[in-house]
Amino acid sequence: MKRKAFCASLLFLVLLIINSLSNVAALGYNSGVKQNQNFVWKCNVCNELEMNTIFGSLWDDFGYFKNLSKGKKMKWEVTNIEINETFISIIINTWDWRKEENWGIKDNTSQIVYYTNPDDYRSNELNFSDYSSLVPFWFPTPIGEYLGGLNSKLIKWYDVDNRVLPTLNVEIAKDEITFNLPTKDIYIIAIYNDQGILDSYKLYTKGNVVIIDISLDFLPLYVIPSLVSLAIIPTIGIVIYIYKKRRTLVQP
């Protein structure tokens, strides 16, 4: 009797897990990134004086803008990914903006969480003012569909544009964040790649004056041929081995 009850409980648990996984699969959203994957961003433009004027002198004391200045880089390392029918989350180690690429010890560990289904957010209430950048550096994927699902959930600052590349446009008028912040109208264009990772970020003011320009960093061109060679050489070796082996087998 106890054995039957145990088997029934086990079967129920298996069915529950399968149902949960099928619900997640039906929604079709994923993290887009892989565990242990690294991402590095570089700062191409940073008008620190103008940022002090717009956001006050503490704008680079916290968050994704901590220690930001032109020529510096910031790094993420994805350490954990969790997906269920309610939430999609990643845990990341972060290294704040720095000149050198000898990253050393991480500066922080944080978790980013989204609802698996964008419809779970309330309409016209979602915003990213908790981020110093005012936009996230990562969204679940497929990024175009997920952003599209968020469009009606976002407050009036934000507008999703999926016509060419997944893009989040931001327009914030003077004093709309808090009293006297920002001190002038600002605009942001954030473009994301197919992994849901921020590919390009530009914060500017009227007249298209760029105040901050950040982009995802890529491998230097001189590294790519080396990596290709490392991939090709073992392949050639395997082909030669198979060829020699076949010749040996066909010999009388």
C-alpha atoms as a PDB file:
ATOM      1  CA  MET A   1       0.000   0.000   0.000  1.00  0.00           C
ATOM      2  CA  LYS A   2       2.803   2.368   0.936  1.00  0.00           C
ATOM      3  CA  ARG A   3       4.608   1.483  -2.275  1.00  0.00           C
ATOM      4  CA  LYS A   4       1.530   2.320  -4.355  1.00  0.00           C
ATOM      5  CA  ALA A   5       1.144   5.648  -2.572  1.00  0.00           C
ATOM      6  CA  PHE A   6       4.824   6.449  -3.177  1.00  0.00           C
ATOM      7  CA  CYS A   7       4.526   5.579  -6.887  1.00  0.00           C
ATOM      8  CA  ALA A   8       1.387   7.695  -7.192  1.00  0.00           C
ATOM      9  CA  SER A   9       3.142  10.646  -5.531  1.00  0.00           C
ATOM     10  CA  LEU A  10       6.162  10.227  -7.794  1.00  0.00           C
ATOM     11  CA  LEU A  11       3.954  10.087 -10.896  1.00  0.00           C
ATOM     12  CA  PHE A  12       2.109  13.217  -9.790  1.00  0.00           C
ATOM     13  CA  LEU A  13       5.434  15.034  -9.286  1.00  0.00           C
ATOM     14  CA  VAL A  14       6.683  14.012 -12.748  1.00  0.00           C
ATOM     15  CA  LEU A  15       3.441  15.163 -14.378  1.00  0.00           C
ATOM     16  CA  LEU A  16       3.665  18.466 -12.497  1.00  0.00           C
ATOM     17  CA  ILE A  17       7.217  19.070 -13.752  1.00  0.00           C
ATOM     18  CA  ILE A  18       6.264  18.159 -17.323  1.00  0.00           C
ATOM     19  CA  ASN A  19       3.280  20.501 -17.191  1.00  0.00           C
ATOM     20  CA  SER A  20       5.447  23.323 -15.860  1.00  0.00           C
ATOM     21  CA  LEU A  21       8.032  22.815 -18.586  1.00  0.00           C
ATOM     22  CA  SER A  22       5.371  22.650 -21.284  1.00  0.00           C
ATOM     23  CA  ASN A  23       3.906  25.949 -20.076  1.00  0.00           C
ATOM     24  CA  VAL A  24       7.311  27.614 -20.308  1.00  0.00           C
ATOM     25  CA  ALA A  25       7.889  26.116 -23.750  1.00  0.00           C
ATOM     26  CA  ALA A  26       4.464  27.291 -24.909  1.00  0.00           C
ATOM     27  CA  LEU A  27       5.367  30.878 -24.032  1.00  0.00           C
ATOM     28  CA  GLY A  28       8.604  30.443 -25.962  1.00  0.00           C
ATOM     29  CA  TYR A  29      10.748  32.858 -23.947  1.00  0.00           C
ATOM     30  CA  ASN A  30      14.269  32.081 -22.806  1.00  0.00           C
ATOM     31  CA  SER A  31      17.282  33.747 -21.243  1.00  0.00           C
ATOM     32  CA  GLY A  32      19.167  34.076 -24.531  1.00  0.00           C
ATOM     33  CA  VAL A  33      22.489  33.792 -22.684  1.00  0.00           C
ATOM     34  CA  LYS A  34      24.551  30.872 -21.425  1.00  0.00           C
ATOM     35  CA  GLN A  35      26.003  30.080 -18.035  1.00  0.00           C
ATOM     36  CA  ASN A  36      29.636  31.265 -17.688  1.00  0.00           C
ATOM     37  CA  GLN A  37      29.212  33.552 -20.699  1.00  0.00           C
ATOM     38  CA  ASN A  38      31.024  36.888 -20.483  1.00  0.00           C
ATOM     39  CA  PHE A  39      30.014  40.253 -21.900  1.00  0.00           C
ATOM     40  CA  VAL A  40      32.109  43.407 -22.045  1.00  0.00           C
ATOM     41  CA  TRP A  41      30.949  46.924 -22.882  1.00  0.00           C
ATOM     42  CA  LYS A  42      33.121  49.897 -23.765  1.00  0.00           C
ATOM     43  CA  CYS A  43      32.404  53.595 -23.286  1.00  0.00           C
ATOM     44  CA  ASN A  44      33.044  55.586 -26.459  1.00  0.00           C
ATOM     45  CA  VAL A  45      31.703  58.947 -25.268  1.00  0.00           C
ATOM     46  CA  CYS A  46      31.073  60.293 -21.767  1.00  0.00           C
ATOM     47  CA  ASN A  47      30.552  64.001 -21.205  1.00  0.00           C
ATOM     48  CA  GLU A  48      30.959  64.005 -17.435  1.00  0.00           C
ATOM     49  CA  LEU A  49      30.388  67.729 -17.014  1.00  0.00           C
ATOM     50  CA  GLU A  50      27.070  67.533 -18.856  1.00  0.00           C
ATOM     51  CA  MET A  51      26.018  64.450 -16.850  1.00  0.00           C
ATOM     52  CA  ASN A  52      26.769  66.382 -13.642  1.00  0.00           C
ATOM     53  CA  THR A  53      24.523  69.167 -14.909  1.00  0.00           C
ATOM     54  CA  ILE A  54      21.672  66.843 -15.935  1.00  0.00           C
ATOM     55  CA  PHE A  55      21.701  64.287 -13.089  1.00  0.00           C
ATOM     56  CA  GLY A  56      23.804  65.824 -10.330  1.00  0.00           C
ATOM     57  CA  SER A  57      27.282  64.881  -9.129  1.00  0.00           C
ATOM     58  CA  LEU A  58      26.289  61.408  -7.858  1.00  0.00           C
ATOM     59  CA  TRP A  59      25.215  59.965 -11.227  1.00  0.00           C
ATOM     60  CA  ASP A  60      28.322  57.727 -11.487  1.00  0.00           C
ATOM     61  CA  ASP A  61      28.303  56.486  -7.882  1.00  0.00           C
ATOM     62  CA  PHE A  62      26.058  53.457  -8.401  1.00  0.00           C
ATOM     63  CA  GLY A  63      24.562  50.961 -10.837  1.00  0.00           C
ATOM     64  CA  TYR A  64      25.647  50.411 -14.421  1.00  0.00           C
ATOM     65  CA  PHE A  65      27.189  53.892 -14.567  1.00  0.00           C
ATOM     66  CA  LYS A  66      29.446  53.445 -11.547  1.00  0.00           C
ATOM     67  CA  ASN A  67      32.913  54.908 -12.351  1.00  0.00           C
ATOM     68  CA  LEU A  68      31.883  55.439 -15.988  1.00  0.00           C
ATOM     69  CA  SER A  69      34.130  57.548 -18.198  1.00  0.00           C
ATOM     70  CA  LYS A  70      35.368  57.516 -21.778  1.00  0.00           C
ATOM     71  CA  GLY A  71      37.684  54.640 -22.664  1.00  0.00           C
ATOM     72  CA  LYS A  72      36.654  52.425 -19.763  1.00  0.00           C
ATOM     73  CA  LYS A  73      35.093  48.948 -19.970  1.00  0.00           C
ATOM     74  CA  MET A  74      32.573  47.024 -17.873  1.00  0.00           C
ATOM     75  CA  LYS A  75      32.241  43.244 -17.659  1.00  0.00           C
ATOM     76  CA  TRP A  76      29.467  40.759 -16.875  1.00  0.00           C
ATOM     77  CA  GLU A  77      29.778  37.054 -16.175  1.00  0.00           C
ATOM     78  CA  VAL A  78      26.567  34.998 -16.181  1.00  0.00           C
ATOM     79  CA  THR A  79      26.811  32.558 -13.262  1.00  0.00           C
ATOM     80  CA  ASN A  80      23.302  31.127 -13.070  1.00  0.00           C
ATOM     81  CA  ILE A  81      20.124  30.953 -15.145  1.00  0.00           C
ATOM     82  CA  GLU A  82      16.670  30.006 -13.887  1.00  0.00           C
ATOM     83  CA  ILE A  83      13.541  29.660 -16.015  1.00  0.00           C
ATOM     84  CA  ASN A  84      10.087  28.562 -14.928  1.00  0.00           C
ATOM     85  CA  GLU A  85       6.513  29.365 -15.868  1.00  0.00           C
ATOM     86  CA  THR A  86       6.546  32.514 -13.722  1.00  0.00           C
ATOM     87  CA  PHE A  87      10.034  34.029 -13.897  1.00  0.00           C
ATOM     88  CA  ILE A  88      13.160  34.193 -16.038  1.00  0.00           C
ATOM     89  CA  SER A  89      16.222  35.252 -14.080  1.00  0.00           C
ATOM     90  CA  ILE A  90      19.983  35.409 -14.382  1.00  0.00           C
ATOM     91  CA  ILE A  91      22.635  35.961 -11.745  1.00  0.00           C
ATOM     92  CA  ILE A  92      25.660  37.951 -12.859  1.00  0.00           C
ATOM     93  CA  ASN A  93      29.046  38.885 -11.497  1.00  0.00           C
ATOM     94  CA  THR A  94      29.917  42.427 -12.514  1.00  0.00           C
ATOM     95  CA  TRP A  95      33.154  44.352 -12.800  1.00  0.00           C
ATOM     96  CA  ASP A  96      32.661  48.126 -12.733  1.00  0.00           C
ATOM     97  CA  TRP A  97      34.020  50.421 -15.421  1.00  0.00           C
ATOM     98  CA  ARG A  98      37.824  50.448 -15.545  1.00  0.00           C
ATOM     99  CA  LYS A  99      40.626  51.321 -17.945  1.00  0.00           C
ATOM    100  CA  GLU A 100      42.625  48.107 -17.719  1.00  0.00           C
ATOM    101  CA  GLU A 101      41.294  44.667 -18.705  1.00  0.00           C
ATOM    102  CA  ASN A 102      43.050  42.860 -15.871  1.00  0.00           C
ATOM    103  CA  TRP A 103      39.655  42.325 -14.282  1.00  0.00           C
ATOM    104  CA  GLY A 104      40.733  40.785 -10.996  1.00  0.00           C
ATOM    105  CA  ILE A 105      38.088  40.297  -8.304  1.00  0.00           C
ATOM    106  CA  LYS A 106      34.466  41.047  -9.179  1.00  0.00           C
ATOM    107  CA  ASP A 107      32.870  44.194  -7.766  1.00  0.00           C
ATOM    108  CA  ASN A 108      29.355  42.900  -7.314  1.00  0.00           C
ATOM    109  CA  THR A 109      26.894  40.033  -7.779  1.00  0.00           C
ATOM    110  CA  SER A 110      23.274  40.709  -8.678  1.00  0.00           C
ATOM    111  CA  GLN A 111      20.145  39.019  -9.974  1.00  0.00           C
ATOM    112  CA  ILE A 112      17.953  40.264 -12.808  1.00  0.00           C
ATOM    113  CA  VAL A 113      14.399  38.937 -12.898  1.00  0.00           C
ATOM    114  CA  TYR A 114      11.585  39.224 -15.449  1.00  0.00           C
ATOM    115  CA  TYR A 115       8.154  37.691 -15.680  1.00  0.00           C
ATOM    116  CA  THR A 116       8.248  34.807 -18.155  1.00  0.00           C
ATOM    117  CA  ASN A 117       5.064  36.177 -19.703  1.00  0.00           C
ATOM    118  CA  PRO A 118       5.133  39.940 -20.444  1.00  0.00           C
ATOM    119  CA  ASP A 119       1.354  40.005 -19.976  1.00  0.00           C
ATOM    120  CA  ASP A 120       1.920  39.524 -16.243  1.00  0.00           C
ATOM    121  CA  TYR A 121       3.066  43.144 -15.977  1.00  0.00           C
ATOM    122  CA  ARG A 122       0.407  45.779 -15.390  1.00  0.00           C
ATOM    123  CA  SER A 123      -0.337  48.173 -18.221  1.00  0.00           C
ATOM    124  CA  ASN A 124       1.436  51.536 -18.265  1.00  0.00           C
ATOM    125  CA  GLU A 125       3.274  50.898 -14.992  1.00  0.00           C
ATOM    126  CA  LEU A 126       6.611  49.322 -15.949  1.00  0.00           C
ATOM    127  CA  ASN A 127       9.711  51.501 -15.966  1.00  0.00           C
ATOM    128  CA  PHE A 128      13.449  51.045 -15.464  1.00  0.00           C
ATOM    129  CA  SER A 129      14.221  54.072 -13.311  1.00  0.00           C
ATOM    130  CA  ASP A 130      15.966  51.746 -10.828  1.00  0.00           C
ATOM    131  CA  TYR A 131      18.745  51.479 -13.401  1.00  0.00           C
ATOM    132  CA  SER A 132      21.110  54.438 -13.565  1.00  0.00           C
ATOM    133  CA  SER A 133      21.104  53.870 -17.329  1.00  0.00           C
ATOM    134  CA  LEU A 134      17.253  54.034 -17.329  1.00  0.00           C
ATOM    135  CA  VAL A 135      17.187  50.925 -19.535  1.00  0.00           C
ATOM    136  CA  PRO A 136      18.248  47.314 -18.855  1.00  0.00           C
ATOM    137  CA  PHE A 137      21.375  45.756 -20.308  1.00  0.00           C
ATOM    138  CA  TRP A 138      19.493  42.444 -20.854  1.00  0.00           C
ATOM    139  CA  PHE A 139      16.020  41.207 -21.833  1.00  0.00           C
ATOM    140  CA  PRO A 140      14.676  37.657 -22.311  1.00  0.00           C
ATOM    141  CA  THR A 141      14.524  36.294 -25.845  1.00  0.00           C
ATOM    142  CA  PRO A 142      13.242  36.277 -28.525  1.00  0.00           C
ATOM    143  CA  ILE A 143      14.015  39.900 -27.763  1.00  0.00           C
ATOM    144  CA  GLY A 144      11.741  41.375 -30.439  1.00  0.00           C
ATOM    145  CA  GLU A 145       8.705  39.445 -29.265  1.00  0.00           C
ATOM    146  CA  TYR A 146       9.410  40.059 -25.592  1.00  0.00           C
ATOM    147  CA  LEU A 147       9.900  43.797 -26.084  1.00  0.00           C
ATOM    148  CA  GLY A 148       6.755  43.884 -28.208  1.00  0.00           C
ATOM    149  CA  GLY A 149       4.855  42.234 -25.360  1.00  0.00           C
ATOM    150  CA  LEU A 150       6.126  44.909 -22.963  1.00  0.00           C
ATOM    151  CA  ASN A 151       5.197  47.878 -25.135  1.00  0.00           C
ATOM    152  CA  SER A 152       1.751  48.400 -23.626  1.00  0.00           C
ATOM    153  CA  LYS A 153       3.107  47.774 -20.109  1.00  0.00           C
ATOM    154  CA  LEU A 154       5.727  50.522 -20.184  1.00  0.00           C
ATOM    155  CA  ILE A 155       5.131  54.059 -18.955  1.00  0.00           C
ATOM    156  CA  LYS A 156       5.053  56.920 -21.452  1.00  0.00           C
ATOM    157  CA  TRP A 157       8.829  57.427 -21.366  1.00  0.00           C
ATOM    158  CA  TYR A 158       9.379  54.268 -23.406  1.00  0.00           C
ATOM    159  CA  ASP A 159       8.585  53.219 -26.946  1.00  0.00           C
ATOM    160  CA  VAL A 160       9.496  49.868 -28.529  1.00  0.00           C
ATOM    161  CA  ASP A 161      10.630  49.830 -32.160  1.00  0.00           C
ATOM    162  CA  ASN A 162      11.090  46.378 -33.742  1.00  0.00           C
ATOM    163  CA  ARG A 163      11.005  47.438 -37.385  1.00  0.00           C
ATOM    164  CA  VAL A 164      14.697  46.801 -38.060  1.00  0.00           C
ATOM    165  CA  LEU A 165      16.531  45.964 -34.807  1.00  0.00           C
ATOM    166  CA  PRO A 166      15.043  45.438 -31.328  1.00  0.00           C
ATOM    167  CA  THR A 167      15.175  48.983 -29.986  1.00  0.00           C
ATOM    168  CA  LEU A 168      13.968  50.754 -26.860  1.00  0.00           C
ATOM    169  CA  ASN A 169      13.529  54.492 -27.367  1.00  0.00           C
ATOM    170  CA  VAL A 170      13.314  56.701 -24.296  1.00  0.00           C
ATOM    171  CA  GLU A 171      12.183  60.302 -23.980  1.00  0.00           C
ATOM    172  CA  ILE A 172      12.147  61.914 -20.540  1.00  0.00           C
ATOM    173  CA  ALA A 173      11.209  65.547 -20.058  1.00  0.00           C
ATOM    174  CA  LYS A 174      12.814  67.880 -17.547  1.00  0.00           C
ATOM    175  CA  ASP A 175      11.835  67.138 -13.914  1.00  0.00           C
ATOM    176  CA  GLU A 176       9.986  63.909 -14.836  1.00  0.00           C
ATOM    177  CA  ILE A 177      12.159  61.506 -12.806  1.00  0.00           C
ATOM    178  CA  THR A 178      12.158  63.557  -9.594  1.00  0.00           C
ATOM    179  CA  PHE A 179      12.037  67.225  -8.780  1.00  0.00           C
ATOM    180  CA  ASN A 180      14.775  68.927 -10.810  1.00  0.00           C
ATOM    181  CA  LEU A 181      15.922  65.633 -12.375  1.00  0.00           C
ATOM    182  CA  PRO A 182      16.766  65.593 -15.144  1.00  0.00           C
ATOM    183  CA  THR A 183      17.506  69.291 -15.474  1.00  0.00           C
ATOM    184  CA  LYS A 184      16.757  69.142 -19.207  1.00  0.00           C
ATOM    185  CA  ASP A 185      14.973  66.865 -21.679  1.00  0.00           C
ATOM    186  CA  ILE A 186      16.917  63.681 -22.443  1.00  0.00           C
ATOM    187  CA  TYR A 187      16.633  60.925 -25.035  1.00  0.00           C
ATOM    188  CA  ILE A 188      18.010  57.384 -25.136  1.00  0.00           C
ATOM    189  CA  ILE A 189      18.305  54.867 -27.964  1.00  0.00           C
ATOM    190  CA  ALA A 190      19.058  51.338 -26.719  1.00  0.00           C
ATOM    191  CA  ILE A 191      19.560  48.616 -29.347  1.00  0.00           C
ATOM    192  CA  TYR A 192      19.707  44.921 -28.413  1.00  0.00           C
ATOM    193  CA  ASN A 193      21.199  41.867 -30.146  1.00  0.00           C
ATOM    194  CA  ASP A 194      19.530  38.485 -30.641  1.00  0.00           C
ATOM    195  CA  GLN A 195      20.767  37.330 -27.214  1.00  0.00           C
ATOM    196  CA  GLY A 196      18.796  40.117 -25.570  1.00  0.00           C
ATOM    197  CA  ILE A 197      22.051  41.883 -24.658  1.00  0.00           C
ATOM    198  CA  LEU A 198      22.453  45.642 -25.008  1.00  0.00           C
ATOM    199  CA  ASP A 199      24.437  46.215 -28.183  1.00  0.00           C
ATOM    200  CA  SER A 200      24.393  50.000 -28.404  1.00  0.00           C
ATOM    201  CA  TYR A 201      23.377  52.752 -25.966  1.00  0.00           C
ATOM    202  CA  LYS A 202      23.220  56.451 -26.683  1.00  0.00           C
ATOM    203  CA  LEU A 203      22.004  59.136 -24.280  1.00  0.00           C
ATOM    204  CA  TYR A 204      21.621  62.550 -25.866  1.00  0.00           C
ATOM    205  CA  THR A 205      19.919  65.915 -25.513  1.00  0.00           C
ATOM    206  CA  LYS A 206      18.144  68.227 -27.932  1.00  0.00           C
ATOM    207  CA  GLY A 207      20.059  68.831 -31.117  1.00  0.00           C
ATOM    208  CA  ASN A 208      21.283  65.201 -31.062  1.00  0.00           C
ATOM    209  CA  VAL A 209      24.157  66.088 -28.765  1.00  0.00           C
ATOM    210  CA  VAL A 210      25.484  62.709 -27.553  1.00  0.00           C
ATOM    211  CA  ILE A 211      26.328  62.702 -23.851  1.00  0.00           C
ATOM    212  CA  ILE A 212      26.991  58.971 -23.377  1.00  0.00           C
ATOM    213  CA  ASP A 213      27.784  56.347 -26.008  1.00  0.00           C
ATOM    214  CA  ILE A 214      28.267  52.720 -24.905  1.00  0.00           C
ATOM    215  CA  SER A 215      28.642  49.673 -27.137  1.00  0.00           C
ATOM    216  CA  LEU A 216      29.128  45.947 -26.711  1.00  0.00           C
ATOM    217  CA  ASP A 217      32.800  45.123 -27.127  1.00  0.00           C
ATOM    218  CA  PHE A 218      33.883  42.496 -29.641  1.00  0.00           C
ATOM    219  CA  LEU A 219      37.002  40.418 -30.101  1.00  0.00           C
ATOM    220  CA  PRO A 220      39.818  42.373 -31.754  1.00  0.00           C
ATOM    221  CA  LEU A 221      40.297  41.526 -35.438  1.00  0.00           C
ATOM    222  CA  TYR A 222      43.764  40.121 -34.799  1.00  0.00           C
ATOM    223  CA  VAL A 223      42.295  37.567 -32.357  1.00  0.00           C
ATOM    224  CA  ILE A 224      39.689  36.187 -34.774  1.00  0.00           C
ATOM    225  CA  PRO A 225      42.160  34.583 -37.245  1.00  0.00           C
ATOM    226  CA  SER A 226      43.932  32.956 -34.303  1.00  0.00           C
ATOM    227  CA  LEU A 227      40.679  31.476 -33.024  1.00  0.00           C
ATOM    228  CA  VAL A 228      39.779  30.272 -36.520  1.00  0.00           C
ATOM    229  CA  SER A 229      43.194  28.625 -36.805  1.00  0.00           C
ATOM    230  CA  LEU A 230      42.728  26.934 -33.448  1.00  0.00           C
ATOM    231  CA  ALA A 231      39.430  25.529 -34.678  1.00  0.00           C
ATOM    232  CA  ILE A 232      40.696  24.483 -38.117  1.00  0.00           C
ATOM    233  CA  ILE A 233      43.969  22.792 -37.111  1.00  0.00           C
ATOM    234  CA  PRO A 234      42.362  20.042 -34.986  1.00  0.00           C
ATOM    235  CA  THR A 235      39.775  19.477 -37.743  1.00  0.00           C
ATOM    236  CA  ILE A 236      42.499  19.016 -40.361  1.00  0.00           C
ATOM    237  CA  GLY A 237      44.284  16.619 -38.036  1.00  0.00           C
ATOM    238  CA  ILE A 238      41.134  14.520 -37.633  1.00  0.00           C
ATOM    239  CA  VAL A 239      40.570  14.434 -41.417  1.00  0.00           C
ATOM    240  CA  ILE A 240      44.155  13.296 -42.039  1.00  0.00           C
ATOM    241  CA  TYR A 241      43.857  10.625 -39.332  1.00  0.00           C
ATOM    242  CA  ILE A 242      40.613   9.269 -40.841  1.00  0.00           C
ATOM    243  CA  TYR A 243      42.142   9.284 -44.342  1.00  0.00           C
ATOM    244  CA  LYS A 244      45.216   7.357 -43.193  1.00  0.00           C
ATOM    245  CA  LYS A 245      43.053   4.920 -41.233  1.00  0.00           C
ATOM    246  CA  ARG A 246      40.896   4.205 -44.260  1.00  0.00           C
ATOM    247  CA  ARG A 247      43.971   3.625 -46.448  1.00  0.00           C
ATOM    248  CA  THR A 248      45.321   1.194 -43.865  1.00  0.00           C
ATOM    249  CA  LEU A 249      42.050  -0.740 -43.822  1.00  0.00           C
ATOM    250  CA  VAL A 250      41.824  -1.101 -47.605  1.00  0.00           C
ATOM    251  CA  GLN A 251      45.398  -2.343 -47.988  1.00  0.00           C
ATOM    252  CA  PRO A 252      45.652  -6.156 -48.600  1.00  0.00           C
END
